[in-house]
Amino acid sequence: EPSLRLVTDIFEFCAREVPRWNTISISGYHIREAGSTAPQEIAFTFANALEYVGRAVQRGLPFEQFAPRLSFFFAAHSNLLEEIAKFRAARRMWARLMRERYRASDESARLRFHTQTGGVTLTAQQPLNNVVRVALQALSAVLGGTQSLHTNGYDEALALPTQEAAKLALRTQQIIAEETGVADTVDPLGGSYYVEALTDELERRASEYLRQVEELGGAGRAI
């Protein structure tokens, strides 16, 4: 088909000329913001991702050509340890899915993800309390292994952030990165009994939700 040939040509061009081009950002942020739980956020995001990957492969796109540049977008809400475990579980679960289904290379099995702090957790009342919420949510994302991060302004429950709020959101990231030491090592909470147990539990629950979606025929049919 001409349309397939065009898409394939675009992918081949990008792989050759723009090797760090991101194929797609698969979002779970809006799912969490709409009311999902942490395991539902993982499961429904991955159900969508598997739909995208499956359709691309069916149309003839080489898996190893596009899979390394898939990226994801998650929320960070306020249960600190649950959010850390969620990101850890997601990284492990995606790697397993890609290896089992597509014999993915290490690069293609890697979960590359961006995180934004939870918009729905912000309050219009006593908005300065949101500074603390955002800082803790950002910390959970870093401890969970995020590659990039968006910190919300403390006044976003009222309006677009002011310049002061936007600068403080930036400083929050910089303080976490430069003054806390949490970015000095990979997976700093690995081995914690509670975090490991919670990671296992979140992966188990997310896998069960994903199984239910796939029994319905995948994300496309389920939706």
C-alpha atoms as a PDB file:
ATOM      1  CA  GLU A   1       0.000   0.000   0.000  1.00  0.00           C
ATOM      2  CA  PRO A   2       1.308   3.506  -0.764  1.00  0.00           C
ATOM      3  CA  SER A   3       0.459   4.662   2.770  1.00  0.00           C
ATOM      4  CA  LEU A   4       2.418   1.784   4.327  1.00  0.00           C
ATOM      5  CA  ARG A   5       5.375   2.464   2.031  1.00  0.00           C
ATOM      6  CA  LEU A   6       5.349   6.113   3.090  1.00  0.00           C
ATOM      7  CA  VAL A   7       5.241   5.228   6.806  1.00  0.00           C
ATOM      8  CA  THR A   8       8.036   2.685   6.374  1.00  0.00           C
ATOM      9  CA  ASP A   9      10.136   5.228   4.470  1.00  0.00           C
ATOM     10  CA  ILE A  10       9.609   7.781   7.256  1.00  0.00           C
ATOM     11  CA  PHE A  11      10.683   5.277   9.916  1.00  0.00           C
ATOM     12  CA  GLU A  12      13.744   4.274   7.922  1.00  0.00           C
ATOM     13  CA  PHE A  13      14.684   7.920   7.370  1.00  0.00           C
ATOM     14  CA  CYS A  14      14.289   8.765  11.058  1.00  0.00           C
ATOM     15  CA  ALA A  15      16.229   5.708  12.176  1.00  0.00           C
ATOM     16  CA  ARG A  16      19.060   6.674   9.836  1.00  0.00           C
ATOM     17  CA  GLU A  17      19.091  10.466   9.988  1.00  0.00           C
ATOM     18  CA  VAL A  18      17.481  11.219  13.367  1.00  0.00           C
ATOM     19  CA  PRO A  19      18.513   8.265  15.554  1.00  0.00           C
ATOM     20  CA  ARG A  20      17.213   9.853  18.766  1.00  0.00           C
ATOM     21  CA  TRP A  21      13.801  10.632  17.293  1.00  0.00           C
ATOM     22  CA  ASN A  22      10.999   9.488  19.600  1.00  0.00           C
ATOM     23  CA  THR A  23       8.488   7.278  17.814  1.00  0.00           C
ATOM     24  CA  ILE A  24       5.597   8.018  20.200  1.00  0.00           C
ATOM     25  CA  SER A  25       4.992   8.989  23.809  1.00  0.00           C
ATOM     26  CA  ILE A  26       2.494   6.544  25.320  1.00  0.00           C
ATOM     27  CA  SER A  27       0.652   8.312  28.102  1.00  0.00           C
ATOM     28  CA  GLY A  28      -0.754   6.989  31.345  1.00  0.00           C
ATOM     29  CA  TYR A  29      -0.877  10.415  32.960  1.00  0.00           C
ATOM     30  CA  HIS A  30      -4.403  11.205  31.805  1.00  0.00           C
ATOM     31  CA  ILE A  31      -5.552   7.761  32.942  1.00  0.00           C
ATOM     32  CA  ARG A  32      -4.321   8.387  36.492  1.00  0.00           C
ATOM     33  CA  GLU A  33      -5.633  11.937  36.531  1.00  0.00           C
ATOM     34  CA  ALA A  34      -9.068  10.590  35.516  1.00  0.00           C
ATOM     35  CA  GLY A  35      -9.184   8.399  38.628  1.00  0.00           C
ATOM     36  CA  SER A  36      -7.302   5.161  38.027  1.00  0.00           C
ATOM     37  CA  THR A  37      -5.265   3.415  40.701  1.00  0.00           C
ATOM     38  CA  ALA A  38      -1.515   2.918  40.382  1.00  0.00           C
ATOM     39  CA  PRO A  39      -1.764  -0.659  39.002  1.00  0.00           C
ATOM     40  CA  GLN A  40      -4.514   0.422  36.600  1.00  0.00           C
ATOM     41  CA  GLU A  41      -2.279   3.223  35.340  1.00  0.00           C
ATOM     42  CA  ILE A  42       0.438   0.691  34.507  1.00  0.00           C
ATOM     43  CA  ALA A  43      -1.930  -1.851  32.977  1.00  0.00           C
ATOM     44  CA  PHE A  44      -3.994   0.441  30.778  1.00  0.00           C
ATOM     45  CA  THR A  45      -0.919   2.326  29.574  1.00  0.00           C
ATOM     46  CA  PHE A  46       0.763  -0.928  28.608  1.00  0.00           C
ATOM     47  CA  ALA A  47      -2.434  -2.220  26.990  1.00  0.00           C
ATOM     48  CA  ASN A  48      -2.360   0.835  24.729  1.00  0.00           C
ATOM     49  CA  ALA A  49       1.356   0.375  24.115  1.00  0.00           C
ATOM     50  CA  LEU A  50       0.923  -3.273  23.141  1.00  0.00           C
ATOM     51  CA  GLU A  51      -1.810  -2.226  20.717  1.00  0.00           C
ATOM     52  CA  TYR A  52       0.528   0.294  19.078  1.00  0.00           C
ATOM     53  CA  VAL A  53       3.417  -2.158  18.891  1.00  0.00           C
ATOM     54  CA  GLY A  54       1.252  -4.999  17.586  1.00  0.00           C
ATOM     55  CA  ARG A  55      -0.300  -2.916  14.850  1.00  0.00           C
ATOM     56  CA  ALA A  56       3.064  -1.527  13.788  1.00  0.00           C
ATOM     57  CA  VAL A  57       4.536  -5.015  13.511  1.00  0.00           C
ATOM     58  CA  GLN A  58       1.468  -6.279  11.632  1.00  0.00           C
ATOM     59  CA  ARG A  59       1.938  -3.492   9.100  1.00  0.00           C
ATOM     60  CA  GLY A  60       5.503  -4.635   8.493  1.00  0.00           C
ATOM     61  CA  LEU A  61       7.546  -2.163  10.538  1.00  0.00           C
ATOM     62  CA  PRO A  62      10.665  -3.846  11.960  1.00  0.00           C
ATOM     63  CA  PHE A  63      10.305  -4.089  15.742  1.00  0.00           C
ATOM     64  CA  GLU A  64      13.926  -3.315  16.555  1.00  0.00           C
ATOM     65  CA  GLN A  65      13.772  -0.258  14.309  1.00  0.00           C
ATOM     66  CA  PHE A  66      11.103   1.577  16.286  1.00  0.00           C
ATOM     67  CA  ALA A  67      10.937  -0.099  19.716  1.00  0.00           C
ATOM     68  CA  PRO A  68      14.103   1.451  21.212  1.00  0.00           C
ATOM     69  CA  ARG A  69      12.607   4.936  20.824  1.00  0.00           C
ATOM     70  CA  LEU A  70       9.197   4.230  22.360  1.00  0.00           C
ATOM     71  CA  SER A  71       8.685   6.431  25.404  1.00  0.00           C
ATOM     72  CA  PHE A  72       6.097   6.655  28.163  1.00  0.00           C
ATOM     73  CA  PHE A  73       4.497   9.354  30.295  1.00  0.00           C
ATOM     74  CA  PHE A  74       3.311   8.633  33.842  1.00  0.00           C
ATOM     75  CA  ALA A  75       1.879  10.556  36.775  1.00  0.00           C
ATOM     76  CA  ALA A  76       3.434  10.818  40.223  1.00  0.00           C
ATOM     77  CA  HIS A  77       0.852  11.034  43.013  1.00  0.00           C
ATOM     78  CA  SER A  78       1.244  11.386  46.748  1.00  0.00           C
ATOM     79  CA  ASN A  79       1.723   7.883  48.198  1.00  0.00           C
ATOM     80  CA  LEU A  80       5.510   8.062  48.130  1.00  0.00           C
ATOM     81  CA  LEU A  81       6.418   4.389  48.446  1.00  0.00           C
ATOM     82  CA  GLU A  82       3.566   3.178  46.242  1.00  0.00           C
ATOM     83  CA  GLU A  83       4.644   5.520  43.469  1.00  0.00           C
ATOM     84  CA  ILE A  84       8.268   4.396  43.706  1.00  0.00           C
ATOM     85  CA  ALA A  85       7.127   0.771  43.549  1.00  0.00           C
ATOM     86  CA  LYS A  86       4.828   1.592  40.619  1.00  0.00           C
ATOM     87  CA  PHE A  87       7.700   2.892  38.519  1.00  0.00           C
ATOM     88  CA  ARG A  88       9.902  -0.055  39.476  1.00  0.00           C
ATOM     89  CA  ALA A  89       7.120  -2.514  38.642  1.00  0.00           C
ATOM     90  CA  ALA A  90       6.454  -0.809  35.315  1.00  0.00           C
ATOM     91  CA  ARG A  91      10.101  -0.996  34.288  1.00  0.00           C
ATOM     92  CA  ARG A  92      10.283  -4.696  35.111  1.00  0.00           C
ATOM     93  CA  MET A  93       6.916  -5.520  33.553  1.00  0.00           C
ATOM     94  CA  TRP A  94       7.613  -3.760  30.246  1.00  0.00           C
ATOM     95  CA  ALA A  95      10.955  -5.517  29.873  1.00  0.00           C
ATOM     96  CA  ARG A  96       9.317  -8.890  30.471  1.00  0.00           C
ATOM     97  CA  LEU A  97       6.492  -8.212  27.995  1.00  0.00           C
ATOM     98  CA  MET A  98       8.853  -7.121  25.240  1.00  0.00           C
ATOM     99  CA  ARG A  99      11.239 -10.025  25.741  1.00  0.00           C
ATOM    100  CA  GLU A 100       8.501 -12.640  25.913  1.00  0.00           C
ATOM    101  CA  ARG A 101       6.535 -11.363  22.928  1.00  0.00           C
ATOM    102  CA  TYR A 102       9.186  -9.917  20.625  1.00  0.00           C
ATOM    103  CA  ARG A 103      12.500 -11.307  21.898  1.00  0.00           C
ATOM    104  CA  ALA A 104      13.496  -7.701  22.379  1.00  0.00           C
ATOM    105  CA  SER A 105      17.058  -6.549  22.751  1.00  0.00           C
ATOM    106  CA  ASP A 106      18.052  -4.827  25.988  1.00  0.00           C
ATOM    107  CA  GLU A 107      17.580  -1.458  24.316  1.00  0.00           C
ATOM    108  CA  SER A 108      14.102  -2.321  23.040  1.00  0.00           C
ATOM    109  CA  ALA A 109      13.051  -3.770  26.405  1.00  0.00           C
ATOM    110  CA  ARG A 110      13.999  -0.616  28.277  1.00  0.00           C
ATOM    111  CA  LEU A 111      11.180   1.494  29.722  1.00  0.00           C
ATOM    112  CA  ARG A 112      12.018   5.112  28.948  1.00  0.00           C
ATOM    113  CA  PHE A 113       9.558   7.393  30.709  1.00  0.00           C
ATOM    114  CA  HIS A 114       8.737  10.954  31.605  1.00  0.00           C
ATOM    115  CA  THR A 115       6.865  11.812  34.799  1.00  0.00           C
ATOM    116  CA  GLN A 116       4.666  14.731  35.760  1.00  0.00           C
ATOM    117  CA  THR A 117       3.524  15.419  39.300  1.00  0.00           C
ATOM    118  CA  GLY A 118      -0.186  14.913  39.929  1.00  0.00           C
ATOM    119  CA  GLY A 119      -2.368  17.811  38.868  1.00  0.00           C
ATOM    120  CA  VAL A 120      -5.450  16.444  40.610  1.00  0.00           C
ATOM    121  CA  THR A 121      -3.612  16.294  43.927  1.00  0.00           C
ATOM    122  CA  LEU A 122      -3.188  20.084  44.030  1.00  0.00           C
ATOM    123  CA  THR A 123      -5.560  22.114  46.196  1.00  0.00           C
ATOM    124  CA  ALA A 124      -6.849  25.628  45.636  1.00  0.00           C
ATOM    125  CA  GLN A 125      -7.133  26.044  49.402  1.00  0.00           C
ATOM    126  CA  GLN A 126      -3.800  26.757  51.114  1.00  0.00           C
ATOM    127  CA  PRO A 127      -1.942  26.456  47.798  1.00  0.00           C
ATOM    128  CA  LEU A 128       1.501  26.761  49.398  1.00  0.00           C
ATOM    129  CA  ASN A 129       0.988  23.233  50.737  1.00  0.00           C
ATOM    130  CA  ASN A 130       1.242  22.135  47.108  1.00  0.00           C
ATOM    131  CA  VAL A 131       4.966  22.954  47.234  1.00  0.00           C
ATOM    132  CA  VAL A 132       5.420  20.031  49.629  1.00  0.00           C
ATOM    133  CA  ARG A 133       3.180  17.738  47.574  1.00  0.00           C
ATOM    134  CA  VAL A 134       5.054  18.467  44.374  1.00  0.00           C
ATOM    135  CA  ALA A 135       8.454  17.968  46.006  1.00  0.00           C
ATOM    136  CA  LEU A 136       7.521  14.560  47.417  1.00  0.00           C
ATOM    137  CA  GLN A 137       5.908  13.432  44.166  1.00  0.00           C
ATOM    138  CA  ALA A 138       8.987  14.518  42.216  1.00  0.00           C
ATOM    139  CA  LEU A 139      11.181  12.634  44.675  1.00  0.00           C
ATOM    140  CA  SER A 140       9.165   9.449  44.117  1.00  0.00           C
ATOM    141  CA  ALA A 141       9.678   9.747  40.359  1.00  0.00           C
ATOM    142  CA  VAL A 142      13.440  10.156  40.729  1.00  0.00           C
ATOM    143  CA  LEU A 143      13.693   7.255  43.177  1.00  0.00           C
ATOM    144  CA  GLY A 144      11.595   5.175  40.766  1.00  0.00           C
ATOM    145  CA  GLY A 145      13.938   5.819  37.838  1.00  0.00           C
ATOM    146  CA  THR A 146      12.296   8.464  35.664  1.00  0.00           C
ATOM    147  CA  GLN A 147      14.331   9.854  32.764  1.00  0.00           C
ATOM    148  CA  SER A 148      12.673  13.281  32.712  1.00  0.00           C
ATOM    149  CA  LEU A 149      10.389  15.194  35.003  1.00  0.00           C
ATOM    150  CA  HIS A 150       7.745  17.935  35.067  1.00  0.00           C
ATOM    151  CA  THR A 151       7.024  19.580  38.416  1.00  0.00           C
ATOM    152  CA  ASN A 152       3.714  21.426  38.639  1.00  0.00           C
ATOM    153  CA  GLY A 153       3.430  24.977  39.907  1.00  0.00           C
ATOM    154  CA  TYR A 154       1.901  25.281  43.373  1.00  0.00           C
ATOM    155  CA  ASP A 155      -0.835  27.618  42.088  1.00  0.00           C
ATOM    156  CA  GLU A 156      -2.042  25.498  39.150  1.00  0.00           C
ATOM    157  CA  ALA A 157      -5.272  24.625  40.939  1.00  0.00           C
ATOM    158  CA  LEU A 158      -6.131  28.314  40.594  1.00  0.00           C
ATOM    159  CA  ALA A 159      -4.784  29.346  37.183  1.00  0.00           C
ATOM    160  CA  LEU A 160      -1.825  29.036  34.870  1.00  0.00           C
ATOM    161  CA  PRO A 161       1.302  29.162  37.041  1.00  0.00           C
ATOM    162  CA  THR A 162       2.791  32.516  37.854  1.00  0.00           C
ATOM    163  CA  GLN A 163       6.432  33.195  37.076  1.00  0.00           C
ATOM    164  CA  GLU A 164       7.261  32.766  40.770  1.00  0.00           C
ATOM    165  CA  ALA A 165       5.522  29.359  40.923  1.00  0.00           C
ATOM    166  CA  ALA A 166       7.174  28.165  37.720  1.00  0.00           C
ATOM    167  CA  LYS A 167      10.614  29.135  39.013  1.00  0.00           C
ATOM    168  CA  LEU A 168      10.001  27.349  42.321  1.00  0.00           C
ATOM    169  CA  ALA A 169       8.898  24.235  40.435  1.00  0.00           C
ATOM    170  CA  LEU A 170      12.211  24.331  38.549  1.00  0.00           C
ATOM    171  CA  ARG A 171      14.192  24.902  41.757  1.00  0.00           C
ATOM    172  CA  THR A 172      12.441  21.883  43.284  1.00  0.00           C
ATOM    173  CA  GLN A 173      13.917  19.667  40.594  1.00  0.00           C
ATOM    174  CA  GLN A 174      17.336  21.256  40.903  1.00  0.00           C
ATOM    175  CA  ILE A 175      17.444  20.784  44.674  1.00  0.00           C
ATOM    176  CA  ILE A 176      16.464  17.116  44.338  1.00  0.00           C
ATOM    177  CA  ALA A 177      19.079  16.594  41.620  1.00  0.00           C
ATOM    178  CA  GLU A 178      21.952  18.516  43.174  1.00  0.00           C
ATOM    179  CA  GLU A 179      21.505  18.537  46.955  1.00  0.00           C
ATOM    180  CA  THR A 180      19.891  15.271  48.063  1.00  0.00           C
ATOM    181  CA  GLY A 181      22.138  12.591  46.573  1.00  0.00           C
ATOM    182  CA  VAL A 182      19.176  10.497  45.395  1.00  0.00           C
ATOM    183  CA  ALA A 183      20.324  10.636  41.770  1.00  0.00           C
ATOM    184  CA  ASP A 184      23.815   9.355  42.559  1.00  0.00           C
ATOM    185  CA  THR A 185      22.897   5.685  42.197  1.00  0.00           C
ATOM    186  CA  VAL A 186      20.508   3.557  40.165  1.00  0.00           C
ATOM    187  CA  ASP A 187      17.469   2.195  42.032  1.00  0.00           C
ATOM    188  CA  PRO A 188      18.495   3.487  45.485  1.00  0.00           C
ATOM    189  CA  LEU A 189      15.617   1.704  47.272  1.00  0.00           C
ATOM    190  CA  GLY A 190      16.256  -1.673  45.654  1.00  0.00           C
ATOM    191  CA  GLY A 191      16.482  -4.326  48.357  1.00  0.00           C
ATOM    192  CA  SER A 192      14.142  -2.589  50.774  1.00  0.00           C
ATOM    193  CA  TYR A 193      11.812  -5.329  52.023  1.00  0.00           C
ATOM    194  CA  TYR A 194       8.690  -3.178  51.841  1.00  0.00           C
ATOM    195  CA  VAL A 195       9.506  -1.559  48.492  1.00  0.00           C
ATOM    196  CA  GLU A 196      10.347  -4.916  46.925  1.00  0.00           C
ATOM    197  CA  ALA A 197       7.150  -6.513  48.262  1.00  0.00           C
ATOM    198  CA  LEU A 198       5.082  -3.556  47.068  1.00  0.00           C
ATOM    199  CA  THR A 199       6.751  -3.693  43.648  1.00  0.00           C
ATOM    200  CA  ASP A 200       5.825  -7.378  43.356  1.00  0.00           C
ATOM    201  CA  GLU A 201       2.235  -6.651  44.410  1.00  0.00           C
ATOM    202  CA  LEU A 202       1.779  -3.787  41.959  1.00  0.00           C
ATOM    203  CA  GLU A 203       3.196  -5.856  39.109  1.00  0.00           C
ATOM    204  CA  ARG A 204       0.866  -8.733  39.996  1.00  0.00           C
ATOM    205  CA  ARG A 205      -2.206  -6.479  40.102  1.00  0.00           C
ATOM    206  CA  ALA A 206      -1.249  -4.621  36.920  1.00  0.00           C
ATOM    207  CA  SER A 207      -0.667  -7.934  35.123  1.00  0.00           C
ATOM    208  CA  GLU A 208      -4.143  -9.096  36.134  1.00  0.00           C
ATOM    209  CA  TYR A 209      -5.759  -5.939  34.734  1.00  0.00           C
ATOM    210  CA  LEU A 210      -3.735  -6.317  31.541  1.00  0.00           C
ATOM    211  CA  ARG A 211      -4.868  -9.942  31.245  1.00  0.00           C
ATOM    212  CA  GLN A 212      -8.504  -8.814  31.465  1.00  0.00           C
ATOM    213  CA  VAL A 213      -7.977  -6.227  28.725  1.00  0.00           C
ATOM    214  CA  GLU A 214      -6.338  -8.808  26.476  1.00  0.00           C
ATOM    215  CA  GLU A 215      -9.199 -11.257  27.079  1.00  0.00           C
ATOM    216  CA  LEU A 216     -11.468  -8.553  25.631  1.00  0.00           C
ATOM    217  CA  GLY A 217      -9.300  -8.498  22.506  1.00  0.00           C
ATOM    218  CA  GLY A 218      -6.767  -5.831  23.426  1.00  0.00           C
ATOM    219  CA  ALA A 219      -7.008  -2.092  24.039  1.00  0.00           C
ATOM    220  CA  GLY A 220      -8.639  -1.271  20.711  1.00  0.00           C
ATOM    221  CA  ARG A 221     -11.524  -3.676  21.199  1.00  0.00           C
ATOM    222  CA  ALA A 222     -11.786  -2.965  24.936  1.00  0.00           C
ATOM    223  CA  ILE A 223     -12.171   0.767  24.349  1.00  0.00           C
END
